[in-house]
Structure formats: structure tokens, C-alpha cells
Amino acid sequence: MTTIDLREQLHKQIDRLPDEIVEQIADFTLFVMTRRQAVSSYEEWDLDQWQKFALDQFFRDPDEVEYTLKDAKRIYRP
């Protein structure tokens, strides 16, 4: 199946779906495209950019929310 055929088939399937599912597909598409753009930009970073990123992460402010072991036990149920 060619890419054009696949696109046409997908378009037909989307046209038959309820609006709430189309919205979920749109959200997922945005997520995938955003992730792909972020990954490609990281691949182009040089050593200085990675070092600056690492230092920024190391010295950033700690999270305001703190969790305890009791919180984890209450939420996690195997």
C-alpha cells in the first residue's frame, strides 16, 4: 500500500468517527509532531548546549510538592 493510499484510507476512517474520537486523534497527532520536533532539535546540540542544559537541570529549584513513602504506598497498589 502506498503512502497516498494509506492517507486516503485514514481520511475515510476519520470522517466516520465521532467528534470526541477525532479530537483525541488530533491531540495524539500534535503530541507525536511535538515530540518529533523536540528530538530532532536535541540531535543538533553541541557539547556546550548539553553542558548548559545539564547545569540548568542540576541547579533548578526543587519541586514545591514533596511526597512521602506513605503517599507512594497509598497510591501504588500491585
N, C-alpha and C. Protein backbone atom coordinates (compact mmCIF):
# COMPACT_ATOMS: atom_id res chain seq x y z
N MET A 1 0.86 -1.17 0.00
CA MET A 1 0.00 0.00 0.00
C MET A 1 0.90 1.23 0.00
N THR A 2 0.61 2.17 -0.86
CA THR A 2 1.42 3.39 -0.94
C THR A 2 1.02 4.36 0.16
N THR A 3 1.84 5.34 0.36
CA THR A 3 1.54 6.35 1.38
C THR A 3 0.26 7.11 1.04
N ILE A 4 0.06 7.39 -0.23
CA ILE A 4 -1.15 8.10 -0.66
C ILE A 4 -2.39 7.27 -0.36
N ASP A 5 -2.33 5.96 -0.66
CA ASP A 5 -3.47 5.08 -0.36
C ASP A 5 -3.74 5.02 1.14
N LEU A 6 -2.68 4.95 1.91
CA LEU A 6 -2.82 4.90 3.37
C LEU A 6 -3.46 6.18 3.90
N ARG A 7 -3.03 7.32 3.37
CA ARG A 7 -3.61 8.60 3.79
C ARG A 7 -5.10 8.67 3.44
N GLU A 8 -5.45 8.23 2.25
CA GLU A 8 -6.86 8.25 1.83
C GLU A 8 -7.70 7.34 2.70
N GLN A 9 -7.19 6.15 3.01
CA GLN A 9 -7.92 5.21 3.86
C GLN A 9 -8.10 5.80 5.26
N LEU A 10 -7.05 6.39 5.79
CA LEU A 10 -7.12 7.01 7.11
C LEU A 10 -8.12 8.16 7.13
N HIS A 11 -8.10 8.97 6.09
CA HIS A 11 -9.03 10.10 5.99
C HIS A 11 -10.48 9.61 5.99
N LYS A 12 -10.76 8.56 5.26
CA LYS A 12 -12.12 8.00 5.21
C LYS A 12 -12.54 7.48 6.59
N GLN A 13 -11.62 6.81 7.27
CA GLN A 13 -11.94 6.27 8.59
C GLN A 13 -12.20 7.41 9.58
N ILE A 14 -11.41 8.45 9.53
CA ILE A 14 -11.58 9.58 10.44
C ILE A 14 -12.91 10.28 10.19
N ASP A 15 -13.31 10.38 8.93
CA ASP A 15 -14.58 11.03 8.60
C ASP A 15 -15.78 10.31 9.23
N ARG A 16 -15.65 9.02 9.50
CA ARG A 16 -16.76 8.25 10.07
C ARG A 16 -16.77 8.21 11.59
N LEU A 17 -15.76 8.75 12.22
CA LEU A 17 -15.64 8.68 13.68
C LEU A 17 -16.42 9.79 14.38
N PRO A 18 -16.83 9.54 15.62
CA PRO A 18 -17.47 10.60 16.42
C PRO A 18 -16.47 11.72 16.73
N ASP A 19 -16.99 12.91 16.97
CA ASP A 19 -16.15 14.09 17.18
C ASP A 19 -15.16 13.92 18.33
N GLU A 20 -15.58 13.28 19.43
CA GLU A 20 -14.67 13.16 20.57
C GLU A 20 -13.46 12.28 20.23
N ILE A 21 -13.63 11.28 19.38
CA ILE A 21 -12.50 10.46 18.98
C ILE A 21 -11.60 11.22 18.01
N VAL A 22 -12.20 12.02 17.14
CA VAL A 22 -11.40 12.85 16.23
C VAL A 22 -10.54 13.83 17.04
N GLU A 23 -11.09 14.38 18.12
CA GLU A 23 -10.32 15.28 18.99
C GLU A 23 -9.15 14.54 19.63
N GLN A 24 -9.36 13.30 20.05
CA GLN A 24 -8.27 12.51 20.63
C GLN A 24 -7.18 12.23 19.60
N ILE A 25 -7.59 11.94 18.38
CA ILE A 25 -6.61 11.70 17.30
C ILE A 25 -5.82 12.98 17.04
N ALA A 26 -6.50 14.12 17.04
CA ALA A 26 -5.81 15.39 16.83
C ALA A 26 -4.81 15.66 17.95
N ASP A 27 -5.20 15.39 19.20
CA ASP A 27 -4.28 15.57 20.33
C ASP A 27 -3.06 14.66 20.20
N PHE A 28 -3.30 13.40 19.81
CA PHE A 28 -2.20 12.46 19.65
C PHE A 28 -1.27 12.90 18.53
N THR A 29 -1.85 13.38 17.43
CA THR A 29 -1.04 13.85 16.31
C THR A 29 -0.16 15.02 16.74
N LEU A 30 -0.73 15.95 17.49
CA LEU A 30 0.04 17.08 17.99
C LEU A 30 1.18 16.61 18.90
N PHE A 31 0.87 15.64 19.77
CA PHE A 31 1.89 15.08 20.66
C PHE A 31 3.05 14.47 19.86
N VAL A 32 2.72 13.66 18.86
CA VAL A 32 3.75 13.00 18.05
C VAL A 32 4.59 14.03 17.32
N MET A 33 3.96 15.02 16.72
CA MET A 33 4.71 16.03 15.97
C MET A 33 5.59 16.86 16.89
N THR A 34 5.09 17.22 18.05
CA THR A 34 5.88 18.00 19.01
C THR A 34 7.08 17.19 19.48
N ARG A 35 6.86 15.93 19.79
CA ARG A 35 7.95 15.06 20.24
C ARG A 35 9.00 14.89 19.16
N ARG A 36 8.56 14.73 17.94
CA ARG A 36 9.50 14.54 16.83
C ARG A 36 10.34 15.78 16.61
N GLN A 37 9.74 16.96 16.71
CA GLN A 37 10.49 18.20 16.55
C GLN A 37 11.48 18.38 17.70
N ALA A 38 11.08 18.02 18.91
CA ALA A 38 11.97 18.16 20.06
C ALA A 38 13.16 17.23 19.92
N VAL A 39 12.93 16.01 19.48
CA VAL A 39 14.02 15.05 19.35
C VAL A 39 15.01 15.53 18.29
N SER A 40 14.51 16.00 17.17
CA SER A 40 15.43 16.41 16.12
C SER A 40 16.26 17.62 16.55
N SER A 41 15.68 18.52 17.34
CA SER A 41 16.46 19.68 17.77
C SER A 41 17.55 19.27 18.76
N TYR A 42 17.28 18.27 19.62
CA TYR A 42 18.30 17.80 20.55
C TYR A 42 19.46 17.14 19.82
N GLU A 43 19.17 16.47 18.73
CA GLU A 43 20.23 15.78 17.98
C GLU A 43 21.26 16.77 17.44
N GLU A 44 20.87 18.00 17.27
CA GLU A 44 21.76 19.01 16.69
C GLU A 44 22.56 19.78 17.75
N TRP A 45 22.33 19.50 19.03
CA TRP A 45 23.03 20.22 20.09
C TRP A 45 24.51 19.88 20.09
N ASP A 46 25.32 20.88 20.40
CA ASP A 46 26.75 20.62 20.56
C ASP A 46 27.05 20.42 22.06
N LEU A 47 28.29 20.17 22.38
CA LEU A 47 28.69 19.86 23.75
C LEU A 47 28.35 20.99 24.72
N ASP A 48 28.57 22.25 24.30
CA ASP A 48 28.27 23.39 25.17
C ASP A 48 26.78 23.46 25.52
N GLN A 49 25.93 23.20 24.55
CA GLN A 49 24.49 23.23 24.80
C GLN A 49 24.08 22.13 25.78
N TRP A 50 24.65 20.93 25.62
CA TRP A 50 24.34 19.84 26.55
C TRP A 50 24.84 20.15 27.96
N GLN A 51 26.00 20.76 28.06
CA GLN A 51 26.53 21.11 29.38
C GLN A 51 25.65 22.16 30.05
N LYS A 52 25.24 23.17 29.30
CA LYS A 52 24.36 24.20 29.86
C LYS A 52 23.04 23.58 30.32
N PHE A 53 22.48 22.69 29.51
CA PHE A 53 21.23 22.02 29.87
C PHE A 53 21.40 21.22 31.15
N ALA A 54 22.50 20.47 31.25
CA ALA A 54 22.75 19.66 32.43
C ALA A 54 22.89 20.52 33.68
N LEU A 55 23.61 21.62 33.57
CA LEU A 55 23.78 22.52 34.72
C LEU A 55 22.46 23.17 35.11
N ASP A 56 21.67 23.58 34.12
CA ASP A 56 20.37 24.16 34.41
C ASP A 56 19.48 23.18 35.16
N GLN A 57 19.51 21.91 34.75
CA GLN A 57 18.71 20.90 35.42
C GLN A 57 19.20 20.64 36.84
N PHE A 58 20.51 20.64 37.02
CA PHE A 58 21.10 20.37 38.32
C PHE A 58 20.78 21.48 39.33
N PHE A 59 20.84 22.73 38.87
CA PHE A 59 20.67 23.86 39.79
C PHE A 59 19.26 24.43 39.80
N ARG A 60 18.32 23.78 39.14
CA ARG A 60 16.95 24.32 39.13
C ARG A 60 16.33 24.19 40.52
N ASP A 61 15.31 24.99 40.74
CA ASP A 61 14.63 24.96 42.03
C ASP A 61 13.97 23.61 42.25
N PRO A 62 14.02 23.12 43.47
CA PRO A 62 13.37 21.82 43.74
C PRO A 62 11.85 21.95 43.62
N ASP A 63 11.21 20.83 43.39
CA ASP A 63 9.76 20.83 43.31
C ASP A 63 9.16 21.29 44.63
N GLU A 64 8.07 22.04 44.54
CA GLU A 64 7.41 22.52 45.74
C GLU A 64 6.64 21.41 46.44
N VAL A 65 6.23 20.41 45.68
CA VAL A 65 5.46 19.31 46.24
C VAL A 65 6.42 18.21 46.68
N GLU A 66 6.24 17.74 47.88
CA GLU A 66 7.06 16.65 48.38
C GLU A 66 6.17 15.45 48.66
N TYR A 67 6.64 14.28 48.30
CA TYR A 67 5.90 13.06 48.52
C TYR A 67 6.63 12.20 49.54
N THR A 68 5.85 11.50 50.32
CA THR A 68 6.43 10.61 51.32
C THR A 68 6.25 9.17 50.89
N LEU A 69 6.92 8.26 51.59
CA LEU A 69 6.74 6.84 51.33
C LEU A 69 5.29 6.43 51.58
N LYS A 70 4.66 7.05 52.56
CA LYS A 70 3.26 6.76 52.86
C LYS A 70 2.37 7.12 51.67
N ASP A 71 2.66 8.26 51.01
CA ASP A 71 1.90 8.65 49.82
C ASP A 71 2.05 7.60 48.72
N ALA A 72 3.27 7.13 48.52
CA ALA A 72 3.53 6.15 47.47
C ALA A 72 2.82 4.84 47.74
N LYS A 73 2.83 4.41 49.01
CA LYS A 73 2.16 3.16 49.36
C LYS A 73 0.65 3.27 49.17
N ARG A 74 0.10 4.44 49.45
CA ARG A 74 -1.33 4.64 49.32
C ARG A 74 -1.74 4.64 47.84
N ILE A 75 -0.90 5.19 46.97
CA ILE A 75 -1.24 5.31 45.55
C ILE A 75 -0.93 4.02 44.80
N TYR A 76 0.22 3.41 45.08
CA TYR A 76 0.64 2.21 44.36
C TYR A 76 0.01 0.97 44.98
N ARG A 77 -0.71 0.24 44.15
CA ARG A 77 -1.33 -0.99 44.60
C ARG A 77 -1.03 -2.09 43.59
N PRO A 78 -0.11 -2.97 43.91
CA PRO A 78 0.27 -4.03 42.92
C PRO A 78 -0.84 -5.01 42.65
